[in-house]
């Protein structure tokens, strides 16, 4: 069987080799960045705490997250593809061509998992090694699959249909990724320190009040509440928790829904006036899980959080108000990072730790140590922040494209892209949409161009035209219908038009490239046969062998 790139020019072969080697190195760098950041290894501390045997047992019994499994497969797939491609180019076949990429992928995965044992914020498990190896295997199979795809128009049609099914099977969960149905009702409400046996992440400052509703207040309701025109008690059965921090001791929920908040660690001295000081040695926690609040929010996928806080340090990092079990399991965390306000939210996509996608943030809220009222509303993917009664310039929306890139990209890159969404310039949000839709529609354009080019000549022009129109219109319509039905959004013609343009333009581009490649192939074949190509009718190009 001939190599995939046998018919391509030599200069293209050299360029492809360089690109593939660069892709291998880039894949390895991406894997390390995505799995080992922030590189805060604690080799001595972890060995002293668990011992070698304890670390092995921790690895064997490590928890697995379905969301991580998908991430692992996607992360290692490019590595397997590029290695298999390079081996094929060098005419390595049989066991070596199949085993080498798998061994490299499994070895790199095992090394990463071992190093993760010494990172307090990471979890390590044999399941990750298996899913990483599976990603490498899928990349390997893609190379062999390409050889089958180009053998006949029938295979191209099957591949086109398969890509459609796969693309929409992946994107449907992204549309529902903004729901809160996976919130855990066993977590208590915490004010201050979020701690775990392995790491303590604390915040120092003063908290004056906390209130949580199971619906998202409108802007007019927020303004009425801030101005005092509509007191908190007037929102009938809306707020599921309301605490005022006056004095010391325990603090009672004024709605009668949640358990009392009590001190953990050291109890502070009696305070004059309102507000309680929390620090690394003292924080507040409900006597029992906040189950009723959690269950209600999980049903509505909405909430409103209101709190008044004053930081003790504008350069610190830590949680202020959180509904958490431990560092790796949380429903939400309102916190501080330098002088920014941050918010972690657990969704089906962000995972149990709420960290699979970057946190949301509002800049310079804690630039001073004065008290600030913070109001956060959330309604099925749309965040709105109010600081001291002032609505922030724009809402933050957990869109499918934001979720997709935030989930798959390394944390630093995903966080940078997410932070760009905070810019009032909406071109950054449009960039997200274009990148996301390009990943879906450009491969469709390529497959459509190949199918139309290599359809048998017996297919009538009318049928060809119908297939082309359906291939352009149907995917764009399906994606918009998915947004409406699964995502709960309203239909937008601009989204539909953008999808149609992307598919049509990609089809035209790849069609032109295929025609150009076919002409080059015919010219090369005639030159080898000693026939001048000029003045002769151009024969129809054949499929790559």
Protein backbone atom coordinates (compact mmCIF):
# COMPACT_ATOMS: atom_id res chain seq x y z
CA UNK A 1 0.00 0.00 0.00
CA UNK A 2 1.36 3.40 -0.94
CA UNK A 3 2.12 6.15 1.54
CA UNK A 4 -0.49 8.82 2.18
CA UNK A 5 1.58 11.62 0.68
CA UNK A 6 3.10 9.77 -2.25
CA UNK A 7 1.52 12.04 -4.86
CA UNK A 8 2.53 15.33 -3.24
CA UNK A 9 5.53 17.46 -4.28
CA UNK A 10 8.84 16.88 -2.54
CA UNK A 11 8.93 20.39 -1.08
CA UNK A 12 5.53 19.72 0.50
CA UNK A 13 6.86 16.49 2.01
CA UNK A 14 9.75 18.28 3.68
CA UNK A 15 7.44 20.97 4.99
CA UNK A 16 5.01 18.37 6.32
CA UNK A 17 7.78 16.57 8.21
CA UNK A 18 8.83 19.77 9.91
CA UNK A 19 5.26 20.65 10.78
CA UNK A 20 4.67 17.19 12.24
CA UNK A 21 7.82 17.28 14.38
CA UNK A 22 6.83 20.74 15.60
CA UNK A 23 3.37 19.36 16.36
CA UNK A 24 4.89 16.49 18.38
CA UNK A 25 6.93 18.91 20.48
CA UNK A 26 3.95 21.24 20.81
CA UNK A 27 1.72 18.36 21.93
CA UNK A 28 4.22 17.33 24.61
CA UNK A 29 4.50 20.92 25.83
CA UNK A 30 0.70 21.26 25.87
CA UNK A 31 0.33 18.03 27.86
CA UNK A 32 2.87 19.13 30.47
CA UNK A 33 1.30 22.58 30.77
CA UNK A 34 -2.22 21.22 31.08
CA UNK A 35 -1.40 18.55 33.66
CA UNK A 36 1.39 19.90 35.87
CA UNK A 37 0.69 23.60 36.35
CA UNK A 38 1.25 25.49 38.62
CA UNK A 39 4.42 23.34 39.16
CA UNK A 40 4.27 23.73 42.95
CA UNK A 41 5.79 20.33 43.67
CA UNK A 42 6.06 19.22 47.29
CA UNK A 43 8.26 16.12 47.04
CA UNK A 44 9.59 16.07 50.61
CA UNK A 45 6.30 17.06 52.26
CA UNK A 46 4.25 14.46 50.38
CA UNK A 47 6.78 11.69 51.04
CA UNK A 48 6.88 12.57 54.73
CA UNK A 49 3.09 12.66 54.92
CA UNK A 50 2.19 9.54 52.95
CA UNK A 51 5.42 7.59 52.45
CA UNK A 52 6.21 5.68 49.26
CA UNK A 53 3.60 3.02 49.98
CA UNK A 54 0.96 5.59 50.80
CA UNK A 55 1.60 7.45 47.56
CA UNK A 56 1.22 4.22 45.60
CA UNK A 57 -2.10 3.51 47.33
CA UNK A 58 -3.17 7.10 46.70
CA UNK A 59 -2.42 6.61 43.01
CA UNK A 60 -4.21 3.26 42.78
CA UNK A 61 -7.28 4.55 44.61
CA UNK A 62 -7.36 7.97 42.97
CA UNK A 63 -10.78 9.33 41.95
CA UNK A 64 -11.79 9.51 38.30
CA UNK A 65 -13.96 12.19 36.73
CA UNK A 66 -15.87 11.47 33.48
CA UNK A 67 -15.09 14.99 32.31
CA UNK A 68 -11.37 14.35 32.86
CA UNK A 69 -11.58 11.16 30.80
CA UNK A 70 -12.77 13.05 27.73
CA UNK A 71 -10.16 15.74 28.33
CA UNK A 72 -7.40 13.14 28.57
CA UNK A 73 -8.40 11.46 25.31
CA UNK A 74 -8.48 14.76 23.41
CA UNK A 75 -5.21 15.94 24.96
CA UNK A 76 -3.19 12.91 23.80
CA UNK A 77 -4.88 12.38 20.43
CA UNK A 78 -2.67 14.84 18.47
CA UNK A 79 0.48 13.19 19.84
CA UNK A 80 -0.60 9.75 18.62
CA UNK A 81 -1.63 11.13 15.23
CA UNK A 82 1.63 12.99 14.59
CA UNK A 83 3.87 10.11 15.71
CA UNK A 84 1.96 7.59 13.59
CA UNK A 85 2.12 9.94 10.59
CA UNK A 86 5.89 10.33 10.90
CA UNK A 87 6.42 6.58 11.19
CA UNK A 88 4.26 6.00 8.12
CA UNK A 89 6.31 8.54 6.17
CA UNK A 90 9.45 6.59 6.96
CA UNK A 91 7.85 3.37 5.76
CA UNK A 92 7.76 1.84 9.23
CA UNK A 93 4.92 -0.66 9.26
CA UNK A 94 3.66 -3.52 11.35
CA UNK A 95 4.26 -3.80 15.07
CA UNK A 96 6.78 -0.94 15.32
CA UNK A 97 4.47 1.60 13.68
CA UNK A 98 1.62 0.62 16.02
CA UNK A 99 3.56 0.11 19.26
CA UNK A 100 5.90 3.11 19.22
CA UNK A 101 3.21 5.84 19.49
CA UNK A 102 1.40 3.85 22.19
CA UNK A 103 4.58 3.38 24.22
CA UNK A 104 5.46 7.08 23.96
CA UNK A 105 1.94 8.15 24.94
CA UNK A 106 1.67 5.69 27.84
CA UNK A 107 5.17 6.54 29.08
CA UNK A 108 4.53 10.28 29.03
CA UNK A 109 1.17 9.76 30.74
CA UNK A 110 2.68 7.62 33.50
CA UNK A 111 5.43 10.18 34.12
CA UNK A 112 2.84 12.95 34.40
CA UNK A 113 0.66 10.94 36.80
CA UNK A 114 3.63 10.18 39.06
CA UNK A 115 4.58 13.86 39.20
CA UNK A 116 0.96 14.79 39.97
CA UNK A 117 1.24 12.80 43.21
CA UNK A 118 3.46 15.60 44.50
CA UNK A 119 1.06 18.40 43.51
CA UNK A 120 -1.54 19.04 46.26
CA UNK A 121 -4.03 20.51 43.80
CA UNK A 122 -3.91 17.53 41.40
CA UNK A 123 -5.32 14.02 41.56
CA UNK A 124 -3.59 10.99 40.06
CA UNK A 125 -5.22 7.73 39.01
CA UNK A 126 -4.51 4.72 36.74
CA UNK A 127 -7.69 5.60 34.83
CA UNK A 128 -5.91 8.71 33.54
CA UNK A 129 -3.06 6.57 32.17
CA UNK A 130 -5.60 4.38 30.36
CA UNK A 131 -7.56 7.30 28.90
CA UNK A 132 -4.38 9.10 27.86
CA UNK A 133 -3.20 5.93 26.11
CA UNK A 134 -6.63 5.64 24.49
CA UNK A 135 -6.20 9.14 23.10
CA UNK A 136 -2.84 8.14 21.61
CA UNK A 137 -4.44 5.02 20.12
CA UNK A 138 -7.24 7.04 18.54
CA UNK A 139 -4.68 9.36 16.96
CA UNK A 140 -2.88 6.31 15.57
CA UNK A 141 -6.13 4.89 14.19
CA UNK A 142 -6.95 8.21 12.54
CA UNK A 143 -3.84 7.89 10.35
CA UNK A 144 -4.87 4.42 9.21
CA UNK A 145 -8.45 5.60 8.84
CA UNK A 146 -7.41 8.35 6.44
CA UNK A 147 -6.07 5.72 4.06
CA UNK A 148 -9.45 4.02 4.03
CA UNK A 149 -11.38 7.27 3.66
CA UNK A 150 -9.65 8.24 0.42
CA UNK A 151 -10.23 4.89 -1.26
CA UNK A 152 -13.75 5.55 -2.53
CA UNK A 153 -16.55 8.15 -2.59
CA UNK A 154 -18.62 5.80 -0.43
CA UNK A 155 -16.03 5.99 2.33
CA UNK A 156 -16.01 9.76 2.01
CA UNK A 157 -19.80 9.87 2.41
CA UNK A 158 -19.61 7.66 5.50
CA UNK A 159 -16.89 9.89 6.96
CA UNK A 160 -18.95 13.02 6.30
CA UNK A 161 -21.96 11.51 8.07
CA UNK A 162 -19.75 10.26 10.91
CA UNK A 163 -18.25 13.71 11.42
CA UNK A 164 -21.71 15.24 11.61
CA UNK A 165 -22.87 12.73 14.21
CA UNK A 166 -19.68 13.04 16.28
CA UNK A 167 -19.61 16.84 16.15
CA UNK A 168 -23.14 17.20 17.40
CA UNK A 169 -22.76 14.42 19.98
CA UNK A 170 -19.90 16.44 21.47
CA UNK A 171 -21.59 19.83 21.28
CA UNK A 172 -24.94 18.85 22.83
CA UNK A 173 -23.42 18.45 26.34
CA UNK A 174 -21.73 21.84 25.89
CA UNK A 175 -25.13 23.45 25.36
CA UNK A 176 -26.33 22.13 28.74
CA UNK A 177 -23.01 22.84 30.42
CA UNK A 178 -24.38 25.93 32.19
CA UNK A 179 -26.91 24.00 34.31
CA UNK A 180 -26.29 23.37 38.02
CA UNK A 181 -27.82 19.90 38.19
CA UNK A 182 -24.58 18.34 39.46
CA UNK A 183 -24.36 20.38 42.68
CA UNK A 184 -23.59 18.23 45.72
CA UNK A 185 -26.07 18.67 48.63
CA UNK A 186 -23.61 17.34 51.24
CA UNK A 187 -21.46 20.49 51.32
CA UNK A 188 -21.64 23.04 54.16
CA UNK A 189 -21.61 26.80 53.67
CA UNK A 190 -18.25 28.31 54.65
CA UNK A 191 -17.22 31.89 55.34
CA UNK A 192 -13.48 32.25 55.15
CA UNK A 193 -10.96 29.44 55.01
CA UNK A 194 -11.38 26.61 52.58
CA UNK A 195 -9.14 23.83 53.87
CA UNK A 196 -8.20 20.24 53.08
CA UNK A 197 -5.86 17.71 54.71
CA UNK A 198 -3.21 18.49 52.09
CA UNK A 199 -3.44 22.23 51.63
CA UNK A 200 -4.92 25.25 53.37
CA UNK A 201 -6.06 28.16 51.25
CA UNK A 202 -7.12 31.02 53.50
CA UNK A 203 -8.45 34.56 53.28
CA UNK A 204 -8.01 37.36 55.81
CA UNK A 205 -10.60 40.05 56.09
CA UNK A 206 -13.99 41.02 57.45
CA UNK A 207 -17.42 39.75 56.39
CA UNK A 208 -20.54 41.70 57.36
CA UNK A 209 -23.43 39.73 55.85
CA UNK A 210 -24.30 36.90 53.46
CA UNK A 211 -27.59 36.17 51.68
CA UNK A 212 -28.35 33.61 48.97
CA UNK A 213 -31.49 33.30 46.80
CA UNK A 214 -32.57 30.43 44.56
CA UNK A 215 -33.44 32.75 41.66
CA UNK A 216 -31.53 35.39 39.70
CA UNK A 217 -32.72 38.86 40.69
CA UNK A 218 -33.36 41.28 37.86
CA UNK A 219 -31.44 44.54 37.60
CA UNK A 220 -34.45 46.52 38.85
CA UNK A 221 -34.80 44.20 41.86
CA UNK A 222 -31.11 44.57 42.65
CA UNK A 223 -31.30 48.36 42.49
CA UNK A 224 -34.41 48.37 44.71
CA UNK A 225 -32.62 46.16 47.21
CA UNK A 226 -29.45 48.27 47.22
CA UNK A 227 -31.36 51.55 47.61
CA UNK A 228 -33.47 50.15 50.44
CA UNK A 229 -36.74 50.61 48.55
CA UNK A 230 -37.35 46.87 48.79
CA UNK A 231 -35.88 45.14 51.87
CA UNK A 232 -34.59 41.59 51.80
CA UNK A 233 -37.53 40.27 53.81
CA UNK A 234 -39.98 41.40 51.12
CA UNK A 235 -38.72 38.81 48.63
CA UNK A 236 -41.18 36.08 49.57
CA UNK A 237 -39.59 32.60 49.65
CA UNK A 238 -36.81 33.76 47.33
CA UNK A 239 -33.88 33.88 49.74
CA UNK A 240 -32.84 30.54 51.20
CA UNK A 241 -30.15 31.95 53.49
CA UNK A 242 -29.57 35.29 55.22
CA UNK A 243 -26.94 35.90 57.91
CA UNK A 244 -26.05 39.15 59.68
CA UNK A 245 -22.71 38.99 61.51
CA UNK A 246 -23.11 40.90 64.77
CA UNK A 247 -21.09 40.00 67.86
CA UNK A 248 -19.43 36.59 68.29
CA UNK A 249 -20.61 33.03 68.81
CA UNK A 250 -22.94 31.34 66.32
CA UNK A 251 -25.06 33.12 63.71
CA UNK A 252 -28.64 32.17 62.87
CA UNK A 253 -30.10 32.06 59.37
CA UNK A 254 -32.88 34.65 59.45
CA UNK A 255 -34.88 32.71 56.84
CA UNK A 256 -34.89 29.63 59.07
CA UNK A 257 -33.74 27.44 56.18
CA UNK A 258 -30.07 26.68 56.82
CA UNK A 259 -28.25 25.57 59.99
CA UNK A 260 -26.39 28.06 62.18
CA UNK A 261 -22.96 29.26 61.17
CA UNK A 262 -20.43 28.41 63.91
CA UNK A 263 -16.76 29.13 64.37
CA UNK A 264 -14.13 26.61 63.30
CA UNK A 265 -10.64 26.91 64.70
CA UNK A 266 -10.08 29.80 67.09
CA UNK A 267 -13.02 31.93 68.24
CA UNK A 268 -12.38 35.67 67.78
CA UNK A 269 -12.77 38.14 70.59
CA UNK A 270 -16.06 39.98 71.06
CA UNK A 271 -16.51 42.47 68.24
CA UNK A 272 -17.99 45.94 68.56
CA UNK A 273 -20.53 46.64 65.83
CA UNK A 274 -21.05 44.46 62.79
CA UNK A 275 -18.72 42.24 60.83
CA UNK A 276 -16.61 39.24 61.78
CA UNK A 277 -12.87 38.78 61.18
CA UNK A 278 -11.86 35.56 59.43
CA UNK A 279 -8.30 34.37 58.96
CA UNK A 280 -6.22 31.23 58.41
CA UNK A 281 -6.90 30.05 61.99
CA UNK A 282 -10.64 30.80 62.16
CA UNK A 283 -13.59 30.60 59.81
CA UNK A 284 -17.34 30.03 59.88
CA UNK A 285 -19.13 26.88 58.76
CA UNK A 286 -22.72 25.65 58.99
CA UNK A 287 -23.37 22.92 61.55
CA UNK A 288 -24.78 20.67 58.82
CA UNK A 289 -24.77 20.62 55.01
CA UNK A 290 -26.71 23.35 53.22
CA UNK A 291 -28.82 20.67 51.52
CA UNK A 292 -32.08 22.57 51.08
CA UNK A 293 -30.35 25.52 49.41
CA UNK A 294 -28.24 23.29 47.17
CA UNK A 295 -31.16 21.17 46.02
CA UNK A 296 -33.27 24.20 45.22
CA UNK A 297 -30.52 25.90 43.20
CA UNK A 298 -29.86 22.63 41.34
CA UNK A 299 -33.51 22.64 40.27
CA UNK A 300 -33.61 26.24 39.06
CA UNK A 301 -30.01 26.61 37.79
CA UNK A 302 -30.26 30.16 39.14
CA UNK A 303 -29.05 31.98 42.23
CA UNK A 304 -28.24 35.38 43.69
CA UNK A 305 -25.40 35.84 46.18
CA UNK A 306 -25.18 39.03 48.25
CA UNK A 307 -22.35 39.76 50.68
CA UNK A 308 -20.49 42.73 52.12
CA UNK A 309 -16.77 42.18 52.69
CA UNK A 310 -13.55 44.07 53.37
CA UNK A 311 -10.22 42.49 52.51
CA UNK A 312 -7.32 42.62 54.92
CA UNK A 313 -4.73 42.39 52.14
CA UNK A 314 -5.07 43.53 48.53
CA UNK A 315 -2.45 41.01 47.37
CA UNK A 316 -3.79 37.82 48.94
CA UNK A 317 -5.58 34.82 47.43
CA UNK A 318 -8.34 32.84 49.08
CA UNK A 319 -12.06 32.04 49.38
CA UNK A 320 -14.53 34.41 51.02
CA UNK A 321 -17.91 32.67 50.69
CA UNK A 322 -18.04 29.08 49.50
CA UNK A 323 -20.28 26.02 49.32
CA UNK A 324 -17.58 23.37 49.46
CA UNK A 325 -16.61 19.93 50.68
CA UNK A 326 -12.86 20.35 50.25
CA UNK A 327 -10.41 21.92 47.84
CA UNK A 328 -11.22 19.42 45.08
CA UNK A 329 -15.00 19.42 45.58
CA UNK A 330 -17.06 22.59 45.55
CA UNK A 331 -20.34 23.99 44.27
CA UNK A 332 -19.23 27.61 44.18
CA UNK A 333 -16.51 29.80 45.65
CA UNK A 334 -16.48 33.59 45.76
CA UNK A 335 -12.90 34.59 46.43
CA UNK A 336 -10.05 37.01 45.96
CA UNK A 337 -7.01 36.73 43.69
CA UNK A 338 -4.66 39.68 44.14
CA UNK A 339 -7.00 42.68 43.93
CA UNK A 340 -9.52 40.85 41.71
CA UNK A 341 -12.78 39.23 42.74
CA UNK A 342 -12.99 35.64 41.46
CA UNK A 343 -15.82 33.15 41.15
CA UNK A 344 -15.60 29.39 40.66
CA UNK A 345 -18.80 27.58 39.68
CA UNK A 346 -19.46 23.86 39.44
CA UNK A 347 -21.30 22.79 36.27
CA UNK A 348 -21.43 19.51 34.33
CA UNK A 349 -18.50 20.78 32.27
CA UNK A 350 -16.34 22.45 34.94
CA UNK A 351 -16.26 19.28 37.04
CA UNK A 352 -16.40 18.54 40.75
CA UNK A 353 -13.57 20.95 41.53
CA UNK A 354 -15.15 23.72 39.40
CA UNK A 355 -11.71 24.24 37.90
CA UNK A 356 -11.93 22.50 34.52
CA UNK A 357 -12.69 25.90 33.02
CA UNK A 358 -11.12 29.20 34.16
CA UNK A 359 -12.71 31.12 36.99
CA UNK A 360 -14.66 34.31 36.31
CA UNK A 361 -13.26 37.53 37.70
CA UNK A 362 -13.98 41.22 38.19
CA UNK A 363 -10.83 43.36 38.31
CA UNK A 364 -9.70 45.72 41.10
CA UNK A 365 -12.59 45.12 43.48
CA UNK A 366 -10.14 44.71 46.37
CA UNK A 367 -7.76 47.51 45.44
CA UNK A 368 -8.47 49.02 48.90
CA UNK A 369 -9.49 47.63 52.30
CA UNK A 370 -12.85 49.40 52.54
CA UNK A 371 -16.07 47.33 52.78
CA UNK A 372 -17.67 46.53 49.42
CA UNK A 373 -21.07 45.06 48.70
CA UNK A 374 -20.84 42.28 46.14
CA UNK A 375 -23.92 40.92 44.35
CA UNK A 376 -23.65 38.01 41.92
CA UNK A 377 -26.61 36.80 39.87
CA UNK A 378 -26.58 33.67 37.72
CA UNK A 379 -29.24 32.48 35.30
CA UNK A 380 -28.44 29.37 33.21
CA UNK A 381 -25.06 30.53 32.02
CA UNK A 382 -25.34 34.30 32.35
CA UNK A 383 -23.45 35.99 35.20
CA UNK A 384 -24.01 39.57 36.29
CA UNK A 385 -21.87 41.30 38.93
CA UNK A 386 -22.79 44.40 40.95
CA UNK A 387 -20.13 46.11 43.06
CA UNK A 388 -21.44 48.64 45.60
CA UNK A 389 -24.70 48.78 43.66
CA UNK A 390 -22.99 49.52 40.34
CA UNK A 391 -23.68 47.05 37.56
CA UNK A 392 -20.49 45.94 35.87
CA UNK A 393 -20.17 47.00 32.20
CA UNK A 394 -21.13 43.67 30.71
CA UNK A 395 -22.45 40.26 31.63
CA UNK A 396 -20.26 37.18 31.56
CA UNK A 397 -21.80 34.23 29.78
CA UNK A 398 -20.77 30.57 29.97
CA UNK A 399 -21.33 29.83 26.29
CA UNK A 400 -20.58 26.49 24.60
CA UNK A 401 -17.55 28.00 22.87
CA UNK A 402 -16.23 29.46 26.13
CA UNK A 403 -16.73 26.09 27.83
CA UNK A 404 -15.10 24.20 24.96
CA UNK A 405 -11.88 26.19 24.90
CA UNK A 406 -11.75 26.69 28.65
CA UNK A 407 -12.06 22.95 29.12
CA UNK A 408 -9.55 21.80 26.51
CA UNK A 409 -6.86 24.47 26.53
CA UNK A 410 -4.12 24.72 29.18
CA UNK A 411 -5.28 26.81 32.17
CA UNK A 412 -3.03 29.78 31.40
CA UNK A 413 -4.14 30.09 27.77
CA UNK A 414 -7.79 29.45 28.57
CA UNK A 415 -7.68 31.99 31.38
CA UNK A 416 -6.11 34.59 29.09
CA UNK A 417 -8.81 34.02 26.47
CA UNK A 418 -11.54 34.18 29.11
CA UNK A 419 -10.14 37.40 30.53
CA UNK A 420 -10.35 38.92 27.07
CA UNK A 421 -14.10 38.37 27.22
CA UNK A 422 -14.21 40.90 30.05
CA UNK A 423 -13.12 43.55 27.58
CA UNK A 424 -16.14 45.63 26.51
CA UNK A 425 -14.99 45.09 22.92
CA UNK A 426 -17.26 42.25 21.79
CA UNK A 427 -14.81 41.20 19.08
CA UNK A 428 -13.18 38.87 21.59
CA UNK A 429 -16.48 37.08 22.16
CA UNK A 430 -16.96 36.89 18.39
CA UNK A 431 -13.47 35.39 18.09
CA UNK A 432 -14.53 32.63 20.46
CA UNK A 433 -17.56 31.87 18.31
CA UNK A 434 -15.57 31.87 15.07
CA UNK A 435 -12.91 29.52 16.42
CA UNK A 436 -15.49 27.16 17.87
CA UNK A 437 -17.64 27.06 14.75
CA UNK A 438 -14.57 26.77 12.51
CA UNK A 439 -13.56 23.57 14.28
CA UNK A 440 -17.01 22.18 13.51
CA UNK A 441 -17.56 23.47 9.99
CA UNK A 442 -14.14 23.58 8.27
CA UNK A 443 -13.71 19.78 8.32
CA UNK A 444 -17.26 19.54 6.96
CA UNK A 445 -16.28 21.86 4.12
CA UNK A 446 -13.26 19.68 3.30
CA UNK A 447 -15.27 16.45 3.34
CA UNK A 448 -18.04 18.04 1.29
CA UNK A 449 -15.52 19.21 -1.32
CA UNK A 450 -14.01 15.72 -1.54
CA UNK A 451 -17.41 14.04 -1.80
CA UNK A 452 -18.61 16.38 -4.55
CA UNK A 453 -15.35 16.05 -6.47
CA UNK A 454 -15.26 12.27 -6.50
CA UNK A 455 -18.93 11.42 -6.92
CA UNK A 456 -19.43 8.96 -9.80
CA UNK A 457 -20.19 10.60 -13.14
CA UNK A 458 -23.55 8.80 -13.29
CA UNK A 459 -24.88 11.07 -10.51
CA UNK A 460 -27.11 13.69 -12.13
CA UNK A 461 -26.29 17.40 -11.83
CA UNK A 462 -29.60 17.99 -10.03
CA UNK A 463 -28.74 15.42 -7.37
CA UNK A 464 -25.24 16.86 -7.04
CA UNK A 465 -26.71 20.31 -6.48
CA UNK A 466 -29.16 18.97 -3.90
CA UNK A 467 -26.40 17.22 -1.98
CA UNK A 468 -24.27 20.36 -2.01
CA UNK A 469 -27.09 22.60 -0.77
CA UNK A 470 -28.03 20.11 1.95
CA UNK A 471 -24.40 19.75 3.00
CA UNK A 472 -24.10 23.51 3.47
CA UNK A 473 -27.47 24.29 5.05
CA UNK A 474 -28.17 21.26 7.25
CA UNK A 475 -25.17 21.52 9.67
CA UNK A 476 -25.74 25.24 10.29
CA UNK A 477 -29.45 24.69 10.94
CA UNK A 478 -28.75 21.75 13.27
CA UNK A 479 -26.28 23.77 15.35
CA UNK A 480 -28.71 26.65 15.77
CA UNK A 481 -31.53 24.23 16.65
CA UNK A 482 -29.21 22.69 19.22
CA UNK A 483 -28.60 26.11 20.76
CA UNK A 484 -32.34 26.71 21.03
CA UNK A 485 -33.50 23.28 22.23
CA UNK A 486 -30.61 22.15 24.44
CA UNK A 487 -29.21 25.53 25.45
CA UNK A 488 -32.48 27.35 26.09
CA UNK A 489 -31.46 30.30 23.89
CA UNK A 490 -33.52 32.26 21.40
CA UNK A 491 -32.89 31.73 17.71
CA UNK A 492 -30.50 34.27 16.15
CA UNK A 493 -30.29 34.62 12.40
CA UNK A 494 -26.74 35.98 12.67
CA UNK A 495 -25.58 32.63 14.09
CA UNK A 496 -27.25 30.75 11.24
CA UNK A 497 -25.77 33.09 8.63
CA UNK A 498 -22.30 32.77 10.12
CA UNK A 499 -22.49 28.97 9.97
CA UNK A 500 -23.65 29.01 6.35
CA UNK A 501 -20.83 31.36 5.36
CA UNK A 502 -18.17 29.25 7.12
CA UNK A 503 -19.28 26.02 5.46
CA UNK A 504 -19.69 27.59 2.01
CA UNK A 505 -16.33 29.38 2.13
CA UNK A 506 -14.49 26.30 3.39
CA UNK A 507 -16.10 24.21 0.64
CA UNK A 508 -15.01 26.70 -2.05
CA UNK A 509 -11.48 26.92 -0.65
CA UNK A 510 -10.93 23.18 -0.42
CA UNK A 511 -12.59 22.62 -3.79
CA UNK A 512 -10.07 24.99 -5.38
CA UNK A 513 -7.19 23.27 -3.60
CA UNK A 514 -8.36 19.81 -4.70
CA UNK A 515 -8.66 20.95 -8.32
CA UNK A 516 -5.18 22.50 -8.15
CA UNK A 517 -3.74 19.33 -6.65
CA UNK A 518 -5.45 17.23 -9.34
CA UNK A 519 -3.91 19.33 -12.10
CA UNK A 520 -0.49 19.02 -10.54
CA UNK A 521 -0.95 15.25 -10.30
CA UNK A 522 -1.93 14.99 -13.97
CA UNK A 523 0.99 17.17 -15.04
CA UNK A 524 3.42 15.07 -13.02
CA UNK A 525 2.07 11.80 -14.43
CA UNK A 526 2.28 13.06 -18.03
CA UNK A 527 5.80 14.33 -17.49
CA UNK A 528 6.85 10.92 -16.24
CA UNK A 529 5.24 9.30 -19.31
CA UNK A 530 7.02 11.71 -21.63
CA UNK A 531 3.79 13.42 -22.73
CA UNK A 532 3.51 17.18 -22.93
CA UNK A 533 0.57 18.34 -20.79
CA UNK A 534 -0.12 21.46 -22.82
CA UNK A 535 -2.90 21.30 -25.35
CA UNK A 536 -4.33 18.12 -23.90
CA UNK A 537 -7.64 17.84 -22.10
CA UNK A 538 -7.18 17.70 -18.34
CA UNK A 539 -8.32 14.33 -17.04
CA UNK A 540 -10.21 14.05 -13.80
CA UNK A 541 -7.81 13.56 -10.84
CA UNK A 542 -7.89 10.27 -9.01
CA UNK A 543 -8.03 9.76 -5.30
CA UNK A 544 -4.77 9.56 -3.34
CA UNK A 545 -3.65 5.96 -3.14
